[in-house]
Protein backbone atom coordinates (compact mmCIF):
# COMPACT_ATOMS: atom_id res chain seq x y z
CA UNK A 1 -6.16 2.36 -29.02
CA UNK A 2 -7.75 0.60 -26.07
CA UNK A 3 -11.19 1.58 -24.86
CA UNK A 4 -11.39 3.98 -21.96
CA UNK A 5 -14.20 5.10 -19.72
CA UNK A 6 -14.88 8.70 -18.78
CA UNK A 7 -16.41 8.73 -15.32
CA UNK A 8 -18.01 11.86 -13.84
CA UNK A 9 -19.17 12.26 -10.25
CA UNK A 10 -22.68 13.74 -10.46
CA UNK A 11 -23.93 13.26 -6.89
CA UNK A 12 -22.22 14.13 -3.62
CA UNK A 13 -20.37 11.67 -1.39
CA UNK A 14 -21.81 13.37 1.69
CA UNK A 15 -23.91 10.97 3.74
CA UNK A 16 -22.87 7.93 1.70
CA UNK A 17 -21.50 4.73 3.25
CA UNK A 18 -17.74 4.54 3.74
CA UNK A 19 -17.54 1.71 1.20
CA UNK A 20 -18.92 3.99 -1.54
CA UNK A 21 -16.49 6.76 -0.58
CA UNK A 22 -13.54 4.35 -0.84
CA UNK A 23 -14.67 3.15 -4.26
CA UNK A 24 -14.96 6.73 -5.55
CA UNK A 25 -11.50 7.57 -4.19
CA UNK A 26 -10.06 4.45 -5.84
CA UNK A 27 -11.54 5.60 -9.16
CA UNK A 28 -9.79 8.95 -8.68
CA UNK A 29 -12.89 11.04 -8.02
CA UNK A 30 -12.43 13.71 -5.37
CA UNK A 31 -15.06 16.38 -6.02
CA UNK A 32 -18.39 16.96 -7.74
CA UNK A 33 -18.44 17.18 -11.56
CA UNK A 34 -14.85 15.93 -11.76
CA UNK A 35 -14.21 13.61 -14.70
CA UNK A 36 -11.53 10.93 -14.77
CA UNK A 37 -10.42 8.56 -17.48
CA UNK A 38 -10.01 4.88 -16.56
CA UNK A 39 -9.22 1.82 -18.70
CA UNK A 40 -12.15 -0.41 -19.60
CA UNK A 41 -11.38 -3.44 -17.39
CA UNK A 42 -13.73 -5.74 -15.47
CA UNK A 43 -12.39 -4.45 -12.13
CA UNK A 44 -13.17 -0.85 -13.06
CA UNK A 45 -16.60 -1.88 -14.36
CA UNK A 46 -17.28 -3.55 -11.01
CA UNK A 47 -16.35 -0.41 -9.09
CA UNK A 48 -18.61 1.68 -11.33
CA UNK A 49 -21.44 -0.80 -10.75
CA UNK A 50 -21.09 -0.33 -6.98
CA UNK A 51 -21.58 3.44 -7.24
CA UNK A 52 -23.63 3.65 -10.46
CA UNK A 53 -26.21 5.89 -8.74
CA UNK A 54 -23.52 8.54 -8.08
CA UNK A 55 -21.64 8.64 -11.39
CA UNK A 56 -22.20 9.11 -15.13
CA UNK A 57 -20.09 6.98 -17.48
CA UNK A 58 -19.21 7.37 -21.16
CA UNK A 59 -17.23 4.96 -23.34
CA UNK A 60 -14.46 6.49 -25.44
CA UNK A 61 -11.88 5.00 -27.76
CA UNK A 62 -11.74 2.54 -30.61
């Protein structure tokens, strides 16, 4: 089983730059405390790095 990342939005998008909002939407996050599961790829890691102050991330999988 491939590694996955569980990403939870813990801070609001309100008042954030449009670039951060687009990154969160691309990750599949729409509302506060929502958790999504994404594959552990460099592109996803880069998106998480851009909004690391707004999300909490956990590694799951083998």
